[in-house]
Amino acid sequence: MKAVVTDIDGTITDQVRRISLPAIGEIRRLVDSGIPVVLASGNTLCFMDGIAKMIGTGGVVIAENGGAWRNGFAGEAVVMGDRQVALSAFEHLREHYADRGIELIPHSHNLRLADVAFARTVPADEVRALLKDHPVRVLDTGFALHLQQAGVTKATALAAVARAMDLAPSDFLAVGDSENDVEMIKEAGTGAAVGNAAPGAQAAADFVATAPFGDGFVEAVRHYLP
């Protein structure tokens, strides 16, 4: 394996989004040994730039569940999802849930380029049923619900990022925990899930760590890249 791609929330953080210090140390070990680490998340591109800089990666990031990516801090932002499609679907939800007042997550709404995110105050399966005629994916990350143009995933972004890095997806170890990581885990040459991962992520993985969260990330990396 020549590179690693990892989810953030629930994979290198705990359930309240505190980042794992052992995971940061492991990422720095990889980077210092010449193995690039790509951070992949549902978070916004500007958030990803900041956390990549603080952790110490080269700044190759996948944001908004594959809706946007950048090849390094100096790279151009590439947007792969049509946010108007997601916003149109959200307006349908807003009308349906008028009495419950669902709203986009305020601190990130104006920073998103491709998807929309809102609090998990309504059931994900109910949202999927309501949007079955809209060309969107409904993703439950365990931290928020996201609407993304159909066909856009972390895996499609990984394929594009790999080309930009002169690599292939098969060169990557992918680590994740949630349903929005399943395609990425399958797309990579080797896929791993942390111990707290959702059943779908575990089923897609070649290796499932016994430890949860950041300790599980370290376990998975050390299993393949000691």
C-alpha atoms as a PDB file:
ATOM      1  CA  MET A   1       0.000   0.000   0.000  1.00  0.00           C
ATOM      2  CA  LYS A   2       1.234   3.443  -0.960  1.00  0.00           C
ATOM      3  CA  ALA A   3      -1.300   5.694   0.784  1.00  0.00           C
ATOM      4  CA  VAL A   4      -4.037   5.801   3.435  1.00  0.00           C
ATOM      5  CA  VAL A   5      -7.442   7.463   3.299  1.00  0.00           C
ATOM      6  CA  THR A   6      -9.396   7.818   6.527  1.00  0.00           C
ATOM      7  CA  ASP A   7     -12.709   9.140   7.723  1.00  0.00           C
ATOM      8  CA  ILE A   8     -12.600  11.557  10.659  1.00  0.00           C
ATOM      9  CA  ASP A   9     -15.761  11.576  12.817  1.00  0.00           C
ATOM     10  CA  GLY A  10     -16.166   8.265  14.597  1.00  0.00           C
ATOM     11  CA  THR A  11     -12.946   6.894  13.112  1.00  0.00           C
ATOM     12  CA  ILE A  12     -10.182   9.109  14.466  1.00  0.00           C
ATOM     13  CA  THR A  13     -12.503  10.847  16.950  1.00  0.00           C
ATOM     14  CA  ASP A  14     -14.712   9.515  19.713  1.00  0.00           C
ATOM     15  CA  GLN A  15     -18.506   9.765  19.843  1.00  0.00           C
ATOM     16  CA  VAL A  16     -18.413  13.409  20.939  1.00  0.00           C
ATOM     17  CA  ARG A  17     -15.875  14.348  18.235  1.00  0.00           C
ATOM     18  CA  ARG A  18     -12.792  14.603  20.440  1.00  0.00           C
ATOM     19  CA  ILE A  19      -9.878  13.722  18.199  1.00  0.00           C
ATOM     20  CA  SER A  20      -7.692  10.784  19.206  1.00  0.00           C
ATOM     21  CA  LEU A  21      -4.126  11.667  20.111  1.00  0.00           C
ATOM     22  CA  PRO A  22      -2.849   8.156  19.260  1.00  0.00           C
ATOM     23  CA  ALA A  23      -4.497   8.477  15.828  1.00  0.00           C
ATOM     24  CA  ILE A  24      -2.773  11.816  15.223  1.00  0.00           C
ATOM     25  CA  GLY A  25       0.529  10.236  16.184  1.00  0.00           C
ATOM     26  CA  GLU A  26      -0.077   7.363  13.802  1.00  0.00           C
ATOM     27  CA  ILE A  27      -0.946   9.684  10.923  1.00  0.00           C
ATOM     28  CA  ARG A  28       2.233  11.651  11.530  1.00  0.00           C
ATOM     29  CA  ARG A  29       4.238   8.429  11.593  1.00  0.00           C
ATOM     30  CA  LEU A  30       2.844   7.511   8.179  1.00  0.00           C
ATOM     31  CA  VAL A  31       3.433  10.956   6.693  1.00  0.00           C
ATOM     32  CA  ASP A  32       6.971  11.130   8.069  1.00  0.00           C
ATOM     33  CA  SER A  33       7.704   7.725   6.526  1.00  0.00           C
ATOM     34  CA  GLY A  34       6.564   8.911   3.088  1.00  0.00           C
ATOM     35  CA  ILE A  35       3.041   7.449   3.073  1.00  0.00           C
ATOM     36  CA  PRO A  36       0.493  10.191   2.269  1.00  0.00           C
ATOM     37  CA  VAL A  37      -2.695  10.313   4.332  1.00  0.00           C
ATOM     38  CA  VAL A  38      -5.921  11.652   2.815  1.00  0.00           C
ATOM     39  CA  LEU A  39      -8.614  12.852   5.229  1.00  0.00           C
ATOM     40  CA  ALA A  40     -12.180  12.146   4.050  1.00  0.00           C
ATOM     41  CA  SER A  41     -15.263  13.495   5.807  1.00  0.00           C
ATOM     42  CA  GLY A  42     -18.723  14.983   5.577  1.00  0.00           C
ATOM     43  CA  ASN A  43     -17.262  18.213   6.915  1.00  0.00           C
ATOM     44  CA  THR A  44     -16.747  21.345   4.804  1.00  0.00           C
ATOM     45  CA  LEU A  45     -13.642  21.899   2.690  1.00  0.00           C
ATOM     46  CA  CYS A  46     -12.412  24.807   4.827  1.00  0.00           C
ATOM     47  CA  PHE A  47     -12.766  22.659   7.965  1.00  0.00           C
ATOM     48  CA  MET A  48     -10.796  19.905   6.255  1.00  0.00           C
ATOM     49  CA  ASP A  49      -8.022  22.318   5.294  1.00  0.00           C
ATOM     50  CA  GLY A  50      -7.696  23.427   8.900  1.00  0.00           C
ATOM     51  CA  ILE A  51      -7.685  19.991  10.469  1.00  0.00           C
ATOM     52  CA  ALA A  52      -5.259  18.648   7.847  1.00  0.00           C
ATOM     53  CA  LYS A  53      -2.841  21.463   8.654  1.00  0.00           C
ATOM     54  CA  MET A  54      -3.127  20.908  12.414  1.00  0.00           C
ATOM     55  CA  ILE A  55      -2.763  17.114  12.181  1.00  0.00           C
ATOM     56  CA  GLY A  56       0.177  17.423   9.817  1.00  0.00           C
ATOM     57  CA  THR A  57      -0.862  15.858   6.505  1.00  0.00           C
ATOM     58  CA  GLY A  58      -0.018  17.187   3.050  1.00  0.00           C
ATOM     59  CA  GLY A  59      -3.472  18.715   2.684  1.00  0.00           C
ATOM     60  CA  VAL A  60      -5.069  16.216   0.306  1.00  0.00           C
ATOM     61  CA  VAL A  61      -8.677  16.094   1.516  1.00  0.00           C
ATOM     62  CA  ILE A  62     -12.120  14.809   0.560  1.00  0.00           C
ATOM     63  CA  ALA A  63     -14.974  16.918   1.954  1.00  0.00           C
ATOM     64  CA  GLU A  64     -18.781  16.787   2.029  1.00  0.00           C
ATOM     65  CA  ASN A  65     -18.910  12.991   1.650  1.00  0.00           C
ATOM     66  CA  GLY A  66     -17.170  13.168  -1.707  1.00  0.00           C
ATOM     67  CA  GLY A  67     -18.868  16.317  -2.941  1.00  0.00           C
ATOM     68  CA  ALA A  68     -15.607  18.284  -2.976  1.00  0.00           C
ATOM     69  CA  TRP A  69     -11.886  17.571  -2.778  1.00  0.00           C
ATOM     70  CA  ARG A  70      -8.510  19.267  -3.022  1.00  0.00           C
ATOM     71  CA  ASN A  71      -5.088  17.875  -3.919  1.00  0.00           C
ATOM     72  CA  GLY A  72      -2.948  19.640  -1.330  1.00  0.00           C
ATOM     73  CA  PHE A  73      -3.235  23.027   0.348  1.00  0.00           C
ATOM     74  CA  ALA A  74      -2.287  24.887  -2.836  1.00  0.00           C
ATOM     75  CA  GLY A  75      -4.592  22.816  -5.068  1.00  0.00           C
ATOM     76  CA  GLU A  76      -7.798  24.000  -6.671  1.00  0.00           C
ATOM     77  CA  ALA A  77     -11.065  22.979  -5.026  1.00  0.00           C
ATOM     78  CA  VAL A  78     -12.902  20.445  -7.182  1.00  0.00           C
ATOM     79  CA  VAL A  79     -16.679  20.237  -6.690  1.00  0.00           C
ATOM     80  CA  MET A  80     -18.295  16.961  -7.768  1.00  0.00           C
ATOM     81  CA  GLY A  81     -21.844  17.422  -6.487  1.00  0.00           C
ATOM     82  CA  ASP A  82     -24.624  19.793  -7.539  1.00  0.00           C
ATOM     83  CA  ARG A  83     -25.744  21.537  -4.366  1.00  0.00           C
ATOM     84  CA  GLN A  84     -28.918  22.855  -5.993  1.00  0.00           C
ATOM     85  CA  VAL A  85     -30.140  19.271  -6.313  1.00  0.00           C
ATOM     86  CA  ALA A  86     -29.592  18.750  -2.590  1.00  0.00           C
ATOM     87  CA  LEU A  87     -31.161  22.091  -1.661  1.00  0.00           C
ATOM     88  CA  SER A  88     -34.248  21.330  -3.734  1.00  0.00           C
ATOM     89  CA  ALA A  89     -34.671  18.030  -1.900  1.00  0.00           C
ATOM     90  CA  PHE A  90     -34.217  19.770   1.444  1.00  0.00           C
ATOM     91  CA  GLU A  91     -36.941  22.288   0.606  1.00  0.00           C
ATOM     92  CA  HIS A  92     -39.301  19.338   0.065  1.00  0.00           C
ATOM     93  CA  LEU A  93     -38.380  18.086   3.540  1.00  0.00           C
ATOM     94  CA  ARG A  94     -38.809  21.536   5.071  1.00  0.00           C
ATOM     95  CA  GLU A  95     -42.349  21.724   3.733  1.00  0.00           C
ATOM     96  CA  HIS A  96     -43.188  18.228   4.972  1.00  0.00           C
ATOM     97  CA  TYR A  97     -41.751  18.873   8.432  1.00  0.00           C
ATOM     98  CA  ALA A  98     -43.077  22.434   8.719  1.00  0.00           C
ATOM     99  CA  ASP A  99     -44.434  21.724  12.196  1.00  0.00           C
ATOM    100  CA  ARG A 100     -41.052  20.388  13.367  1.00  0.00           C
ATOM    101  CA  GLY A 101     -38.932  23.200  11.947  1.00  0.00           C
ATOM    102  CA  ILE A 102     -35.931  21.283  10.598  1.00  0.00           C
ATOM    103  CA  GLU A 103     -33.105  23.594   9.563  1.00  0.00           C
ATOM    104  CA  LEU A 104     -29.727  23.293   7.922  1.00  0.00           C
ATOM    105  CA  ILE A 105     -26.807  23.241  10.360  1.00  0.00           C
ATOM    106  CA  PRO A 106     -26.181  26.992  10.671  1.00  0.00           C
ATOM    107  CA  HIS A 107     -22.431  27.116  11.233  1.00  0.00           C
ATOM    108  CA  SER A 108     -21.662  25.271   7.982  1.00  0.00           C
ATOM    109  CA  HIS A 109     -24.596  26.045   5.678  1.00  0.00           C
ATOM    110  CA  ASN A 110     -22.966  28.929   3.792  1.00  0.00           C
ATOM    111  CA  LEU A 111     -19.627  27.100   3.578  1.00  0.00           C
ATOM    112  CA  ARG A 112     -20.911  23.974   1.835  1.00  0.00           C
ATOM    113  CA  LEU A 113     -20.217  23.556  -1.879  1.00  0.00           C
ATOM    114  CA  ALA A 114     -22.006  20.319  -2.758  1.00  0.00           C
ATOM    115  CA  ASP A 115     -24.290  18.849  -0.089  1.00  0.00           C
ATOM    116  CA  VAL A 116     -26.569  19.950   2.726  1.00  0.00           C
ATOM    117  CA  ALA A 117     -26.454  18.835   6.337  1.00  0.00           C
ATOM    118  CA  PHE A 118     -29.071  18.987   9.069  1.00  0.00           C
ATOM    119  CA  ALA A 119     -29.528  17.672  12.589  1.00  0.00           C
ATOM    120  CA  ARG A 120     -30.645  14.088  13.182  1.00  0.00           C
ATOM    121  CA  THR A 121     -34.040  15.148  14.570  1.00  0.00           C
ATOM    122  CA  VAL A 122     -36.023  13.111  12.019  1.00  0.00           C
ATOM    123  CA  PRO A 123     -35.566   9.419  11.121  1.00  0.00           C
ATOM    124  CA  ALA A 124     -33.174   8.773   8.224  1.00  0.00           C
ATOM    125  CA  ASP A 125     -35.364   6.004   6.760  1.00  0.00           C
ATOM    126  CA  GLU A 126     -38.371   8.327   6.803  1.00  0.00           C
ATOM    127  CA  VAL A 127     -36.333  10.994   4.989  1.00  0.00           C
ATOM    128  CA  ARG A 128     -35.270   8.417   2.373  1.00  0.00           C
ATOM    129  CA  ALA A 129     -38.903   7.487   1.767  1.00  0.00           C
ATOM    130  CA  LEU A 130     -39.914  11.126   1.415  1.00  0.00           C
ATOM    131  CA  LEU A 131     -37.124  11.771  -1.111  1.00  0.00           C
ATOM    132  CA  LYS A 132     -37.432   8.588  -3.158  1.00  0.00           C
ATOM    133  CA  ASP A 133     -38.327  10.610  -6.266  1.00  0.00           C
ATOM    134  CA  HIS A 134     -35.454  13.083  -5.815  1.00  0.00           C
ATOM    135  CA  PRO A 135     -31.994  12.375  -7.310  1.00  0.00           C
ATOM    136  CA  VAL A 136     -30.232  12.477  -3.949  1.00  0.00           C
ATOM    137  CA  ARG A 137     -28.582  10.156  -1.464  1.00  0.00           C
ATOM    138  CA  VAL A 138     -29.554  10.432   2.198  1.00  0.00           C
ATOM    139  CA  LEU A 139     -26.598   9.747   4.470  1.00  0.00           C
ATOM    140  CA  ASP A 140     -26.750   9.242   8.216  1.00  0.00           C
ATOM    141  CA  THR A 141     -23.211   9.720   9.527  1.00  0.00           C
ATOM    142  CA  GLY A 142     -24.239   9.331  13.147  1.00  0.00           C
ATOM    143  CA  PHE A 143     -23.487  13.030  13.650  1.00  0.00           C
ATOM    144  CA  ALA A 144     -25.816  14.620  11.052  1.00  0.00           C
ATOM    145  CA  LEU A 145     -28.037  13.777   8.099  1.00  0.00           C
ATOM    146  CA  HIS A 146     -26.674  14.755   4.686  1.00  0.00           C
ATOM    147  CA  LEU A 147     -28.280  15.096   1.258  1.00  0.00           C
ATOM    148  CA  GLN A 148     -25.948  14.610  -1.696  1.00  0.00           C
ATOM    149  CA  GLN A 149     -26.542  14.382  -5.429  1.00  0.00           C
ATOM    150  CA  ALA A 150     -27.008  10.722  -6.384  1.00  0.00           C
ATOM    151  CA  GLY A 151     -23.840   9.067  -7.622  1.00  0.00           C
ATOM    152  CA  VAL A 152     -21.480  11.255  -5.589  1.00  0.00           C
ATOM    153  CA  THR A 153     -19.655   9.357  -2.837  1.00  0.00           C
ATOM    154  CA  LYS A 154     -16.350   9.272  -1.016  1.00  0.00           C
ATOM    155  CA  ALA A 155     -15.430   6.501  -3.466  1.00  0.00           C
ATOM    156  CA  THR A 156     -15.944   8.666  -6.565  1.00  0.00           C
ATOM    157  CA  ALA A 157     -13.849  11.369  -4.920  1.00  0.00           C
ATOM    158  CA  LEU A 158     -11.168   8.824  -3.955  1.00  0.00           C
ATOM    159  CA  ALA A 159     -10.893   7.719  -7.591  1.00  0.00           C
ATOM    160  CA  ALA A 160     -10.394  11.349  -8.664  1.00  0.00           C
ATOM    161  CA  VAL A 161      -7.943  12.094  -5.842  1.00  0.00           C
ATOM    162  CA  ALA A 162      -5.915   8.982  -6.638  1.00  0.00           C
ATOM    163  CA  ARG A 163      -5.536  10.090 -10.266  1.00  0.00           C
ATOM    164  CA  ALA A 164      -4.425  13.546  -9.142  1.00  0.00           C
ATOM    165  CA  MET A 165      -1.801  11.906  -6.899  1.00  0.00           C
ATOM    166  CA  ASP A 166      -0.607   9.600  -9.726  1.00  0.00           C
ATOM    167  CA  LEU A 167      -1.922   6.630  -7.783  1.00  0.00           C
ATOM    168  CA  ALA A 168      -4.767   4.146  -8.172  1.00  0.00           C
ATOM    169  CA  PRO A 169      -7.507   3.454  -5.606  1.00  0.00           C
ATOM    170  CA  SER A 170      -5.976  -0.010  -5.251  1.00  0.00           C
ATOM    171  CA  ASP A 171      -2.881   1.651  -3.755  1.00  0.00           C
ATOM    172  CA  PHE A 172      -4.897   2.851  -0.737  1.00  0.00           C
ATOM    173  CA  LEU A 173      -5.800   1.494   2.663  1.00  0.00           C
ATOM    174  CA  ALA A 174      -9.197   3.018   3.544  1.00  0.00           C
ATOM    175  CA  VAL A 175     -10.420   3.213   7.155  1.00  0.00           C
ATOM    176  CA  GLY A 176     -13.928   4.212   8.227  1.00  0.00           C
ATOM    177  CA  ASP A 177     -16.831   3.647  10.570  1.00  0.00           C
ATOM    178  CA  SER A 178     -20.114   4.720   8.973  1.00  0.00           C
ATOM    179  CA  GLU A 179     -22.460   4.068   6.069  1.00  0.00           C
ATOM    180  CA  ASN A 180     -20.963   6.998   4.173  1.00  0.00           C
ATOM    181  CA  ASP A 181     -17.626   5.142   4.250  1.00  0.00           C
ATOM    182  CA  VAL A 182     -18.844   1.878   2.711  1.00  0.00           C
ATOM    183  CA  GLU A 183     -18.177   2.786  -0.931  1.00  0.00           C
ATOM    184  CA  MET A 184     -14.746   4.186  -0.050  1.00  0.00           C
ATOM    185  CA  ILE A 185     -13.819   1.035   1.869  1.00  0.00           C
ATOM    186  CA  LYS A 186     -14.827  -1.060  -1.137  1.00  0.00           C
ATOM    187  CA  GLU A 187     -13.114   1.225  -3.685  1.00  0.00           C
ATOM    188  CA  ALA A 188      -9.729   1.084  -1.964  1.00  0.00           C
ATOM    189  CA  GLY A 189      -7.334  -1.788  -2.489  1.00  0.00           C
ATOM    190  CA  THR A 190      -7.750  -2.691   1.186  1.00  0.00           C
ATOM    191  CA  GLY A 191     -10.543  -1.609   3.484  1.00  0.00           C
ATOM    192  CA  ALA A 192     -10.666  -1.523   7.273  1.00  0.00           C
ATOM    193  CA  ALA A 193     -13.293  -0.595   9.845  1.00  0.00           C
ATOM    194  CA  VAL A 194     -12.828   0.505  13.441  1.00  0.00           C
ATOM    195  CA  GLY A 195     -14.436  -1.509  16.225  1.00  0.00           C
ATOM    196  CA  ASN A 196     -17.404   0.855  16.646  1.00  0.00           C
ATOM    197  CA  ALA A 197     -18.222   0.789  12.915  1.00  0.00           C
ATOM    198  CA  ALA A 198     -21.734   0.335  11.568  1.00  0.00           C
ATOM    199  CA  PRO A 199     -22.593  -3.179  10.320  1.00  0.00           C
ATOM    200  CA  GLY A 200     -22.395  -2.109   6.670  1.00  0.00           C
ATOM    201  CA  ALA A 201     -18.900  -0.693   7.100  1.00  0.00           C
ATOM    202  CA  GLN A 202     -17.746  -3.820   8.905  1.00  0.00           C
ATOM    203  CA  ALA A 203     -19.189  -6.060   6.193  1.00  0.00           C
ATOM    204  CA  ALA A 204     -17.382  -4.076   3.472  1.00  0.00           C
ATOM    205  CA  ALA A 205     -14.016  -4.197   5.237  1.00  0.00           C
ATOM    206  CA  ASP A 206     -11.186  -6.676   4.829  1.00  0.00           C
ATOM    207  CA  PHE A 207     -10.185  -6.056   8.455  1.00  0.00           C
ATOM    208  CA  VAL A 208     -12.263  -4.994  11.464  1.00  0.00           C
ATOM    209  CA  ALA A 209     -10.371  -3.644  14.456  1.00  0.00           C
ATOM    210  CA  THR A 210     -11.244  -4.879  17.917  1.00  0.00           C
ATOM    211  CA  ALA A 211     -10.714  -1.405  19.397  1.00  0.00           C
ATOM    212  CA  PRO A 212     -13.119   1.468  18.696  1.00  0.00           C
ATOM    213  CA  PHE A 213     -12.489   4.987  17.393  1.00  0.00           C
ATOM    214  CA  GLY A 214      -8.895   6.254  17.212  1.00  0.00           C
ATOM    215  CA  ASP A 215      -7.403   3.195  18.874  1.00  0.00           C
ATOM    216  CA  GLY A 216      -9.106   1.087  16.224  1.00  0.00           C
ATOM    217  CA  PHE A 217      -7.640   3.272  13.496  1.00  0.00           C
ATOM    218  CA  VAL A 218      -4.155   2.709  14.924  1.00  0.00           C
ATOM    219  CA  GLU A 219      -4.835  -1.038  15.144  1.00  0.00           C
ATOM    220  CA  ALA A 220      -5.965  -1.195  11.513  1.00  0.00           C
ATOM    221  CA  VAL A 221      -3.012   0.810  10.209  1.00  0.00           C
ATOM    222  CA  ARG A 222      -0.492  -1.206  12.203  1.00  0.00           C
ATOM    223  CA  HIS A 223      -2.065  -4.429  10.900  1.00  0.00           C
ATOM    224  CA  TYR A 224      -1.120  -3.462   7.340  1.00  0.00           C
ATOM    225  CA  LEU A 225       1.655  -0.872   7.776  1.00  0.00           C
ATOM    226  CA  PRO A 226       3.637  -1.856  10.871  1.00  0.00           C
END
